PDB file of N, CA and C in Angstrom:
ATOM      1  N   PRO A   1       0.809  -1.213   0.000  1.00  0.00           N
ATOM      2  CA  PRO A   1       0.000   0.000   0.000  1.00  0.00           C
ATOM      3  C   PRO A   1       0.855   1.282   0.000  1.00  0.00           C
ATOM      4  N   LEU A   2       1.960   1.296   0.743  1.00  0.00           N
ATOM      5  CA  LEU A   2       2.808   2.478   0.785  1.00  0.00           C
ATOM      6  C   LEU A   2       3.828   2.419  -0.340  1.00  0.00           C
ATOM      7  N   PRO A   3       4.151   3.542  -0.917  1.00  0.00           N
ATOM      8  CA  PRO A   3       5.250   3.506  -1.883  1.00  0.00           C
ATOM      9  C   PRO A   3       6.575   3.347  -1.131  1.00  0.00           C
ATOM     10  N   LEU A   4       7.268   2.292  -1.419  1.00  0.00           N
ATOM     11  CA  LEU A   4       8.548   2.018  -0.760  1.00  0.00           C
ATOM     12  C   LEU A   4       9.684   2.254  -1.740  1.00  0.00           C
ATOM     13  N   PRO A   5      10.815   2.744  -1.239  1.00  0.00           N
ATOM     14  CA  PRO A   5      11.952   2.945  -2.142  1.00  0.00           C
ATOM     15  C   PRO A   5      12.520   1.605  -2.584  1.00  0.00           C
ATOM     16  N   SER A   6      13.160   1.598  -3.718  1.00  0.00           N
ATOM     17  CA  SER A   6      13.801   0.369  -4.178  1.00  0.00           C
ATOM     18  C   SER A   6      15.018   0.094  -3.305  1.00  0.00           C
ATOM     19  N   ILE A   7      15.376  -1.175  -3.175  1.00  0.00           N
ATOM     20  CA  ILE A   7      16.539  -1.557  -2.376  1.00  0.00           C
ATOM     21  C   ILE A   7      17.437  -2.473  -3.185  1.00  0.00           C
ATOM     22  N   THR A   8      18.669  -2.534  -2.758  1.00  0.00           N
ATOM     23  CA  THR A   8      19.624  -3.475  -3.310  1.00  0.00           C
ATOM     24  C   THR A   8      20.234  -4.222  -2.138  1.00  0.00           C
ATOM     25  N   LEU A   9      20.182  -5.531  -2.174  1.00  0.00           N
ATOM     26  CA  LEU A   9      20.817  -6.355  -1.156  1.00  0.00           C
ATOM     27  C   LEU A   9      22.135  -6.862  -1.708  1.00  0.00           C
ATOM     28  N   THR A  10      23.173  -6.748  -0.896  1.00  0.00           N
ATOM     29  CA  THR A  10      24.496  -7.188  -1.298  1.00  0.00           C
ATOM     30  C   THR A  10      25.091  -8.025  -0.180  1.00  0.00           C
ATOM     31  N   CYS A  11      25.644  -9.161  -0.507  1.00  0.00           N
ATOM     32  CA  CYS A  11      26.352  -9.995   0.461  1.00  0.00           C
ATOM     33  C   CYS A  11      27.832  -9.915   0.090  1.00  0.00           C
ATOM     34  N   GLU A  12      28.623  -9.270   0.942  1.00  0.00           N
ATOM     35  CA  GLU A  12      30.021  -9.003   0.628  1.00  0.00           C
ATOM     36  C   GLU A  12      30.903  -9.258   1.840  1.00  0.00           C
ATOM     37  N   ASP A  13      32.202  -9.160   1.633  1.00  0.00           N
ATOM     38  CA  ASP A  13      33.180  -9.288   2.699  1.00  0.00           C
ATOM     39  C   ASP A  13      33.105  -8.056   3.589  1.00  0.00           C
ATOM     40  N   LEU A  14      32.836  -8.248   4.841  1.00  0.00           N
ATOM     41  CA  LEU A  14      32.655  -7.170   5.805  1.00  0.00           C
ATOM     42  C   LEU A  14      33.869  -6.264   5.918  1.00  0.00           C
ATOM     43  N   GLU A  15      35.052  -6.838   5.761  1.00  0.00           N
ATOM     44  CA  GLU A  15      36.268  -6.057   5.979  1.00  0.00           C
ATOM     45  C   GLU A  15      36.796  -5.340   4.731  1.00  0.00           C
ATOM     46  N   SER A  16      36.197  -5.591   3.565  1.00  0.00           N
ATOM     47  CA  SER A  16      36.709  -4.919   2.375  1.00  0.00           C
ATOM     48  C   SER A  16      35.644  -4.155   1.584  1.00  0.00           C
ATOM     49  N   TYR A  17      34.385  -4.398   1.842  1.00  0.00           N
ATOM     50  CA  TYR A  17      33.320  -3.747   1.082  1.00  0.00           C
ATOM     51  C   TYR A  17      33.310  -2.243   1.346  1.00  0.00           C
ATOM     52  N   GLN A  18      33.208  -1.458   0.276  1.00  0.00           N
ATOM     53  CA  GLN A  18      33.139  -0.003   0.404  1.00  0.00           C
ATOM     54  C   GLN A  18      31.721   0.393   0.815  1.00  0.00           C
ATOM     55  N   LEU A  19      31.604   1.108   1.918  1.00  0.00           N
ATOM     56  CA  LEU A  19      30.316   1.394   2.541  1.00  0.00           C
ATOM     57  C   LEU A  19      29.707   2.738   2.145  1.00  0.00           C
ATOM     58  N   ALA A  20      30.400   3.534   1.352  1.00  0.00           N
ATOM     59  CA  ALA A  20      29.984   4.913   1.093  1.00  0.00           C
ATOM     60  C   ALA A  20      28.568   5.033   0.528  1.00  0.00           C
ATOM     61  N   ASP A  21      28.102   4.060  -0.247  1.00  0.00           N
ATOM     62  CA  ASP A  21      26.774   4.150  -0.849  1.00  0.00           C
ATOM     63  C   ASP A  21      25.690   3.461  -0.029  1.00  0.00           C
ATOM     64  N   CYS A  22      26.046   2.921   1.132  1.00  0.00           N
ATOM     65  CA  CYS A  22      25.072   2.199   1.961  1.00  0.00           C
ATOM     66  C   CYS A  22      24.243   3.163   2.804  1.00  0.00           C
ATOM     67  N   ASP A  23      22.991   2.820   2.985  1.00  0.00           N
ATOM     68  CA  ASP A  23      22.120   3.533   3.925  1.00  0.00           C
ATOM     69  C   ASP A  23      21.922   2.709   5.188  1.00  0.00           C
ATOM     70  N   VAL A  24      21.830   1.380   5.014  1.00  0.00           N
ATOM     71  CA  VAL A  24      21.651   0.448   6.129  1.00  0.00           C
ATOM     72  C   VAL A  24      22.583  -0.734   5.903  1.00  0.00           C
ATOM     73  N   VAL A  25      23.310  -1.120   6.949  1.00  0.00           N
ATOM     74  CA  VAL A  25      24.169  -2.296   6.917  1.00  0.00           C
ATOM     75  C   VAL A  25      23.650  -3.240   7.993  1.00  0.00           C
ATOM     76  N   TYR A  26      23.417  -4.499   7.628  1.00  0.00           N
ATOM     77  CA  TYR A  26      22.983  -5.510   8.595  1.00  0.00           C
ATOM     78  C   TYR A  26      24.088  -6.541   8.735  1.00  0.00           C
ATOM     79  N   MET A  27      24.411  -6.862   9.993  1.00  0.00           N
ATOM     80  CA  MET A  27      25.415  -7.885  10.260  1.00  0.00           C
ATOM     81  C   MET A  27      24.838  -8.879  11.264  1.00  0.00           C
ATOM     82  N   ALA A  28      24.812 -10.150  10.918  1.00  0.00           N
ATOM     83  CA  ALA A  28      24.448 -11.194  11.879  1.00  0.00           C
ATOM     84  C   ALA A  28      25.694 -11.444  12.719  1.00  0.00           C
ATOM     85  N   SER A  29      25.966 -10.519  13.621  1.00  0.00           N
ATOM     86  CA  SER A  29      27.262 -10.415  14.292  1.00  0.00           C
ATOM     87  C   SER A  29      27.359 -11.159  15.621  1.00  0.00           C
ATOM     88  N   THR A  30      26.460 -12.065  15.876  1.00  0.00           N
ATOM     89  CA  THR A  30      26.418 -12.743  17.168  1.00  0.00           C
ATOM     90  C   THR A  30      27.748 -13.371  17.563  1.00  0.00           C
ATOM     91  N   VAL A  31      28.449 -13.971  16.613  1.00  0.00           N
ATOM     92  CA  VAL A  31      29.701 -14.653  16.948  1.00  0.00           C
ATOM     93  C   VAL A  31      30.947 -13.893  16.492  1.00  0.00           C
ATOM     94  N   PHE A  32      30.783 -12.636  16.060  1.00  0.00           N
ATOM     95  CA  PHE A  32      31.949 -11.835  15.671  1.00  0.00           C
ATOM     96  C   PHE A  32      32.732 -11.463  16.915  1.00  0.00           C
ATOM     97  N   ASP A  33      34.054 -11.546  16.838  1.00  0.00           N
ATOM     98  CA  ASP A  33      34.842 -11.176  18.010  1.00  0.00           C
ATOM     99  C   ASP A  33      34.971  -9.653  18.115  1.00  0.00           C
ATOM    100  N   GLU A  34      35.399  -9.204  19.272  1.00  0.00           N
ATOM    101  CA  GLU A  34      35.494  -7.778  19.576  1.00  0.00           C
ATOM    102  C   GLU A  34      36.422  -7.038  18.607  1.00  0.00           C
ATOM    103  N   ALA A  35      37.520  -7.667  18.223  1.00  0.00           N
ATOM    104  CA  ALA A  35      38.480  -7.027  17.313  1.00  0.00           C
ATOM    105  C   ALA A  35      37.870  -6.787  15.931  1.00  0.00           C
ATOM    106  N   LEU A  36      37.128  -7.758  15.416  1.00  0.00           N
ATOM    107  CA  LEU A  36      36.481  -7.602  14.112  1.00  0.00           C
ATOM    108  C   LEU A  36      35.460  -6.475  14.155  1.00  0.00           C
ATOM    109  N   LEU A  37      34.636  -6.448  15.196  1.00  0.00           N
ATOM    110  CA  LEU A  37      33.644  -5.379  15.323  1.00  0.00           C
ATOM    111  C   LEU A  37      34.308  -4.011  15.457  1.00  0.00           C
ATOM    112  N   ALA A  38      35.418  -3.935  16.166  1.00  0.00           N
ATOM    113  CA  ALA A  38      36.133  -2.664  16.327  1.00  0.00           C
ATOM    114  C   ALA A  38      36.701  -2.200  14.985  1.00  0.00           C
ATOM    115  N   ARG A  39      37.280  -3.119  14.198  1.00  0.00           N
ATOM    116  CA  ARG A  39      37.803  -2.750  12.881  1.00  0.00           C
ATOM    117  C   ARG A  39      36.684  -2.262  11.969  1.00  0.00           C
ATOM    118  N   PHE A  40      35.561  -2.989  12.002  1.00  0.00           N
ATOM    119  CA  PHE A  40      34.432  -2.570  11.176  1.00  0.00           C
ATOM    120  C   PHE A  40      33.910  -1.203  11.609  1.00  0.00           C
ATOM    121  N   ALA A  41      33.758  -0.981  12.906  1.00  0.00           N
ATOM    122  CA  ALA A  41      33.236   0.295  13.405  1.00  0.00           C
ATOM    123  C   ALA A  41      34.123   1.455  12.971  1.00  0.00           C
ATOM    124  N   GLU A  42      35.427   1.265  12.997  1.00  0.00           N
ATOM    125  CA  GLU A  42      36.354   2.315  12.571  1.00  0.00           C
ATOM    126  C   GLU A  42      36.166   2.633  11.084  1.00  0.00           C
ATOM    127  N   ARG A  43      36.087   1.600  10.255  1.00  0.00           N
ATOM    128  CA  ARG A  43      35.856   1.801   8.814  1.00  0.00           C
ATOM    129  C   ARG A  43      34.504   2.442   8.565  1.00  0.00           C
ATOM    130  N   ALA A  44      33.475   1.957   9.246  1.00  0.00           N
ATOM    131  CA  ALA A  44      32.126   2.485   9.047  1.00  0.00           C
ATOM    132  C   ALA A  44      32.036   3.949   9.467  1.00  0.00           C
ATOM    133  N   ALA A  45      32.728   4.313  10.535  1.00  0.00           N
ATOM    134  CA  ALA A  45      32.723   5.710  10.988  1.00  0.00           C
ATOM    135  C   ALA A  45      33.322   6.627   9.925  1.00  0.00           C
ATOM    136  N   LYS A  46      34.297   6.137   9.175  1.00  0.00           N
ATOM    137  CA  LYS A  46      34.938   6.944   8.132  1.00  0.00           C
ATOM    138  C   LYS A  46      34.148   6.952   6.828  1.00  0.00           C
ATOM    139  N   GLN A  47      33.461   5.843   6.519  1.00  0.00           N
ATOM    140  CA  GLN A  47      32.845   5.706   5.201  1.00  0.00           C
ATOM    141  C   GLN A  47      31.354   6.011   5.159  1.00  0.00           C
ATOM    142  N   LEU A  48      30.636   5.750   6.237  1.00  0.00           N
ATOM    143  CA  LEU A  48      29.185   5.968   6.212  1.00  0.00           C
ATOM    144  C   LEU A  48      28.842   7.431   6.438  1.00  0.00           C
ATOM    145  N   ARG A  49      27.799   7.879   5.767  1.00  0.00           N
ATOM    146  CA  ARG A  49      27.303   9.239   5.954  1.00  0.00           C
ATOM    147  C   ARG A  49      26.517   9.321   7.265  1.00  0.00           C
ATOM    148  N   PRO A  50      26.499  10.494   7.879  1.00  0.00           N
ATOM    149  CA  PRO A  50      25.628  10.667   9.048  1.00  0.00           C
ATOM    150  C   PRO A  50      24.185  10.320   8.682  1.00  0.00           C
ATOM    151  N   GLY A  51      23.506   9.667   9.610  1.00  0.00           N
ATOM    152  CA  GLY A  51      22.131   9.230   9.382  1.00  0.00           C
ATOM    153  C   GLY A  51      22.028   7.790   8.919  1.00  0.00           C
ATOM    154  N   CYS A  52      23.131   7.194   8.472  1.00  0.00           N
ATOM    155  CA  CYS A  52      23.122   5.780   8.079  1.00  0.00           C
ATOM    156  C   CYS A  52      23.022   4.920   9.331  1.00  0.00           C
ATOM    157  N   ARG A  53      22.557   3.713   9.148  1.00  0.00           N
ATOM    158  CA  ARG A  53      22.372   2.812  10.279  1.00  0.00           C
ATOM    159  C   ARG A  53      23.081   1.489  10.044  1.00  0.00           C
ATOM    160  N   VAL A  54      23.602   0.927  11.143  1.00  0.00           N
ATOM    161  CA  VAL A  54      24.206  -0.399  11.124  1.00  0.00           C
ATOM    162  C   VAL A  54      23.434  -1.234  12.137  1.00  0.00           C
ATOM    163  N   VAL A  55      22.851  -2.331  11.671  1.00  0.00           N
ATOM    164  CA  VAL A  55      22.109  -3.227  12.548  1.00  0.00           C
ATOM    165  C   VAL A  55      23.041  -4.367  12.943  1.00  0.00           C
ATOM    166  N   THR A  56      23.271  -4.494  14.236  1.00  0.00           N
ATOM    167  CA  THR A  56      24.103  -5.569  14.771  1.00  0.00           C
ATOM    168  C   THR A  56      23.246  -6.434  15.676  1.00  0.00           C
ATOM    169  N   LEU A  57      23.720  -7.619  15.966  1.00  0.00           N
ATOM    170  CA  LEU A  57      23.026  -8.511  16.889  1.00  0.00           C
ATOM    171  C   LEU A  57      23.834  -8.641  18.168  1.00  0.00           C
ATOM    172  N   ALA A  58      23.167  -8.593  19.287  1.00  0.00           N
ATOM    173  CA  ALA A  58      23.731  -8.818  20.624  1.00  0.00           C
ATOM    174  C   ALA A  58      24.529  -7.649  21.180  1.00  0.00           C
ATOM    175  N   GLU A  59      25.418  -7.058  20.393  1.00  0.00           N
ATOM    176  CA  GLU A  59      26.291  -5.982  20.883  1.00  0.00           C
ATOM    177  C   GLU A  59      26.195  -4.764  19.974  1.00  0.00           C
ATOM    178  N   PRO A  60      26.228  -3.559  20.541  1.00  0.00           N
ATOM    179  CA  PRO A  60      26.261  -2.358  19.701  1.00  0.00           C
ATOM    180  C   PRO A  60      27.667  -2.135  19.156  1.00  0.00           C
ATOM    181  N   LEU A  61      27.788  -1.192  18.242  1.00  0.00           N
ATOM    182  CA  LEU A  61      29.112  -0.767  17.796  1.00  0.00           C
ATOM    183  C   LEU A  61      29.689   0.142  18.869  1.00  0.00           C
ATOM    184  N   HIS A  62      30.852  -0.197  19.368  1.00  0.00           N
ATOM    185  CA  HIS A  62      31.508   0.603  20.402  1.00  0.00           C
ATOM    186  C   HIS A  62      32.462   1.590  19.731  1.00  0.00           C
ATOM    187  N   HIS A  63      31.906   2.696  19.275  1.00  0.00           N
ATOM    188  CA  HIS A  63      32.683   3.737  18.607  1.00  0.00           C
ATOM    189  C   HIS A  63      31.952   5.054  18.833  1.00  0.00           C
ATOM    190  N   PRO A  64      32.674   6.138  19.103  1.00  0.00           N
ATOM    191  CA  PRO A  64      32.001   7.407  19.400  1.00  0.00           C
ATOM    192  C   PRO A  64      31.202   7.997  18.242  1.00  0.00           C
ATOM    193  N   ALA A  65      31.402   7.519  17.018  1.00  0.00           N
ATOM    194  CA  ALA A  65      30.631   8.027  15.885  1.00  0.00           C
ATOM    195  C   ALA A  65      29.227   7.426  15.823  1.00  0.00           C
ATOM    196  N   PHE A  66      28.969   6.408  16.651  1.00  0.00           N
ATOM    197  CA  PHE A  66      27.677   5.720  16.624  1.00  0.00           C
ATOM    198  C   PHE A  66      26.979   5.826  17.970  1.00  0.00           C
ATOM    199  N   THR A  67      25.664   5.895  17.896  1.00  0.00           N
ATOM    200  CA  THR A  67      24.846   5.814  19.089  1.00  0.00           C
ATOM    201  C   THR A  67      23.798   4.730  18.855  1.00  0.00           C
ATOM    202  N   THR A  68      23.386   4.065  19.917  1.00  0.00           N
ATOM    203  CA  THR A  68      22.353   3.039  19.783  1.00  0.00           C
ATOM    204  C   THR A  68      21.000   3.738  19.747  1.00  0.00           C
ATOM    205  N   GLU A  69      20.372   3.692  18.599  1.00  0.00           N
ATOM    206  CA  GLU A  69      19.096   4.360  18.368  1.00  0.00           C
ATOM    207  C   GLU A  69      17.935   3.535  18.922  1.00  0.00           C
ATOM    208  N   ALA A  70      18.036   2.215  18.823  1.00  0.00           N
ATOM    209  CA  ALA A  70      16.948   1.349  19.290  1.00  0.00           C
ATOM    210  C   ALA A  70      17.476  -0.064  19.508  1.00  0.00           C
ATOM    211  N   VAL A  71      16.806  -0.771  20.401  1.00  0.00           N
ATOM    212  CA  VAL A  71      17.066  -2.189  20.625  1.00  0.00           C
ATOM    213  C   VAL A  71      15.745  -2.900  20.339  1.00  0.00           C
ATOM    214  N   VAL A  72      15.779  -3.833  19.393  1.00  0.00           N
ATOM    215  CA  VAL A  72      14.565  -4.496  18.939  1.00  0.00           C
ATOM    216  C   VAL A  72      14.721  -6.002  19.148  1.00  0.00           C
ATOM    217  N   PRO A  73      13.864  -6.608  19.985  1.00  0.00           N
ATOM    218  CA  PRO A  73      13.933  -8.062  20.128  1.00  0.00           C
ATOM    219  C   PRO A  73      13.538  -8.719  18.796  1.00  0.00           C
ATOM    220  N   CYS A  74      14.272  -9.739  18.391  1.00  0.00           N
ATOM    221  CA  CYS A  74      13.916 -10.440  17.155  1.00  0.00           C
ATOM    222  C   CYS A  74      14.165 -11.932  17.319  1.00  0.00           C
ATOM    223  N   VAL A  75      13.462 -12.682  16.503  1.00  0.00           N
ATOM    224  CA  VAL A  75      13.589 -14.138  16.507  1.00  0.00           C
ATOM    225  C   VAL A  75      14.335 -14.540  15.242  1.00  0.00           C
ATOM    226  N   ASN A  76      15.400 -15.303  15.424  1.00  0.00           N
ATOM    227  CA  ASN A  76      16.211 -15.795  14.317  1.00  0.00           C
ATOM    228  C   ASN A  76      16.104 -17.313  14.273  1.00  0.00           C
ATOM    229  N   SER A  77      16.693 -17.924  13.275  1.00  0.00           N
ATOM    230  CA  SER A  77      16.631 -19.375  13.160  1.00  0.00           C
ATOM    231  C   SER A  77      17.305 -20.067  14.335  1.00  0.00           C
ATOM    232  N   TRP A  78      18.258 -19.405  15.007  1.00  0.00           N
ATOM    233  CA  TRP A  78      18.969 -19.996  16.134  1.00  0.00           C
ATOM    234  C   TRP A  78      18.382 -19.595  17.486  1.00  0.00           C
ATOM    235  N   GLY A  79      17.389 -18.734  17.488  1.00  0.00           N
ATOM    236  CA  GLY A  79      16.753 -18.322  18.736  1.00  0.00           C
ATOM    237  C   GLY A  79      16.521 -16.818  18.785  1.00  0.00           C
ATOM    238  N   GLU A  80      16.218 -16.331  19.954  1.00  0.00           N
ATOM    239  CA  GLU A  80      15.955 -14.905  20.131  1.00  0.00           C
ATOM    240  C   GLU A  80      17.254 -14.145  20.368  1.00  0.00           C
ATOM    241  N   GLU A  81      17.311 -12.941  19.836  1.00  0.00           N
ATOM    242  CA  GLU A  81      18.503 -12.100  19.947  1.00  0.00           C
ATOM    243  C   GLU A  81      18.067 -10.652  19.784  1.00  0.00           C
ATOM    244  N   ASP A  82      18.664  -9.750  20.513  1.00  0.00           N
ATOM    245  CA  ASP A  82      18.367  -8.334  20.320  1.00  0.00           C
ATOM    246  C   ASP A  82      19.077  -7.826  19.070  1.00  0.00           C
ATOM    247  N   ALA A  83      18.348  -7.073  18.264  1.00  0.00           N
ATOM    248  CA  ALA A  83      18.948  -6.349  17.148  1.00  0.00           C
ATOM    249  C   ALA A  83      19.152  -4.916  17.619  1.00  0.00           C
ATOM    250  N   LEU A  84      20.360  -4.409  17.447  1.00  0.00           N
ATOM    251  CA  LEU A  84      20.672  -3.046  17.871  1.00  0.00           C
ATOM    252  C   LEU A  84      20.829  -2.174  16.636  1.00  0.00           C
ATOM    253  N   ILE A  85      20.123  -1.069  16.615  1.00  0.00           N
ATOM    254  CA  ILE A  85      20.191  -0.132  15.502  1.00  0.00           C
ATOM    255  C   ILE A  85      21.175   0.963  15.903  1.00  0.00           C
ATOM    256  N   ASN A  86      22.329   0.939  15.257  1.00  0.00           N
ATOM    257  CA  ASN A  86      23.413   1.880  15.534  1.00  0.00           C
ATOM    258  C   ASN A  86      23.336   3.007  14.520  1.00  0.00           C
ATOM    259  N   LEU A  87      23.111   4.219  14.975  1.00  0.00           N
ATOM    260  CA  LEU A  87      22.984   5.388  14.110  1.00  0.00           C
ATOM    261  C   LEU A  87      24.319   6.085  13.961  1.00  0.00           C
ATOM    262  N   ARG A  88      24.730   6.341  12.712  1.00  0.00           N
ATOM    263  CA  ARG A  88      25.943   7.116  12.456  1.00  0.00           C
ATOM    264  C   ARG A  88      25.584   8.580  12.683  1.00  0.00           C
ATOM    265  N   MET A  89      26.161   9.154  13.739  1.00  0.00           N
ATOM    266  CA  MET A  89      25.873  10.542  14.078  1.00  0.00           C
ATOM    267  C   MET A  89      26.594  11.479  13.119  1.00  0.00           C
ATOM    268  N   ASP A  90      26.143  12.737  13.089  1.00  0.00           N
ATOM    269  CA  ASP A  90      26.882  13.695  12.274  1.00  0.00           C
ATOM    270  C   ASP A  90      28.169  14.063  13.007  1.00  0.00           C
ATOM    271  N   ASP A  91      29.095  14.657  12.290  1.00  0.00           N
ATOM    272  CA  ASP A  91      30.419  14.914  12.852  1.00  0.00           C
ATOM    273  C   ASP A  91      30.381  15.850  14.056  1.00  0.00           C
ATOM    274  N   ALA A  92      29.453  16.807  14.082  1.00  0.00           N
ATOM    275  CA  ALA A  92      29.360  17.715  15.231  1.00  0.00           C
ATOM    276  C   ALA A  92      28.910  16.944  16.475  1.00  0.00           C
ATOM    277  N   GLU A  93      27.920  16.056  16.327  1.00  0.00           N
ATOM    278  CA  GLU A  93      27.480  15.239  17.463  1.00  0.00           C
ATOM    279  C   GLU A  93      28.589  14.319  17.922  1.00  0.00           C
ATOM    280  N   HIS A  94      29.290  13.743  16.962  1.00  0.00           N
ATOM    281  CA  HIS A  94      30.389  12.828  17.259  1.00  0.00           C
ATOM    282  C   HIS A  94      31.467  13.555  18.061  1.00  0.00           C
ATOM    283  N   SER A  95      31.816  14.772  17.646  1.00  0.00           N
ATOM    284  CA  SER A  95      32.846  15.544  18.342  1.00  0.00           C
ATOM    285  C   SER A  95      32.424  15.879  19.766  1.00  0.00           C
ATOM    286  N   ARG A  96      31.149  16.223  19.967  1.00  0.00           N
ATOM    287  CA  ARG A  96      30.663  16.555  21.299  1.00  0.00           C
ATOM    288  C   ARG A  96      30.675  15.358  22.237  1.00  0.00           C
ATOM    289  N   SER A  97      30.546  14.146  21.676  1.00  0.00           N
ATOM    290  CA  SER A  97      30.470  12.959  22.522  1.00  0.00           C
ATOM    291  C   SER A  97      31.845  12.404  22.891  1.00  0.00           C
ATOM    292  N   GLU A  98      32.921  12.894  22.260  1.00  0.00           N
ATOM    293  CA  GLU A  98      34.254  12.396  22.568  1.00  0.00           C
ATOM    294  C   GLU A  98      34.759  12.974  23.875  1.00  0.00           C
ATOM    295  N   PRO A  99      35.469  12.192  24.669  1.00  0.00           N
ATOM    296  CA  PRO A  99      36.026  12.692  25.927  1.00  0.00           C
ATOM    297  C   PRO A  99      36.950  13.888  25.678  1.00  0.00           C
ATOM    298  N   GLY A 100      36.846  14.899  26.525  1.00  0.00           N
ATOM    299  CA  GLY A 100      37.713  16.064  26.427  1.00  0.00           C
ATOM    300  C   GLY A 100      37.230  17.099  25.448  1.00  0.00           C
ATOM    301  N   SER A 101      36.108  16.831  24.750  1.00  0.00           N
ATOM    302  CA  SER A 101      35.613  17.849  23.816  1.00  0.00           C
ATOM    303  C   SER A 101      34.673  18.786  24.555  1.00  0.00           C
ATOM    304  N   SER A 102      34.502  19.981  24.022  1.00  0.00           N
ATOM    305  CA  SER A 102      33.615  20.927  24.679  1.00  0.00           C
ATOM    306  C   SER A 102      32.457  21.308  23.821  1.00  0.00           C
TER     307      SER A 102
END
């Protein structure tokens, strides 16, 4: 009933895919280790535009460029897991949230 925008789904290597044209990134990240998530968060902070979202499972992105916009319970084939919607903040918000900034 509602006009929805067209979408493109892409399944790519998380550590090499260029994110600049993405609006939403989904990662079934339940078993990703902390180092992988940290590397991805750093790349995503540099490549994603403010307002873009990264959906992770179980853990948010731990990077000052992102804030957790929502936590949504969801059911997956392996059981229930929280989906976290991580919002890429604009650079001014990001700067204000960093320690030592004014």
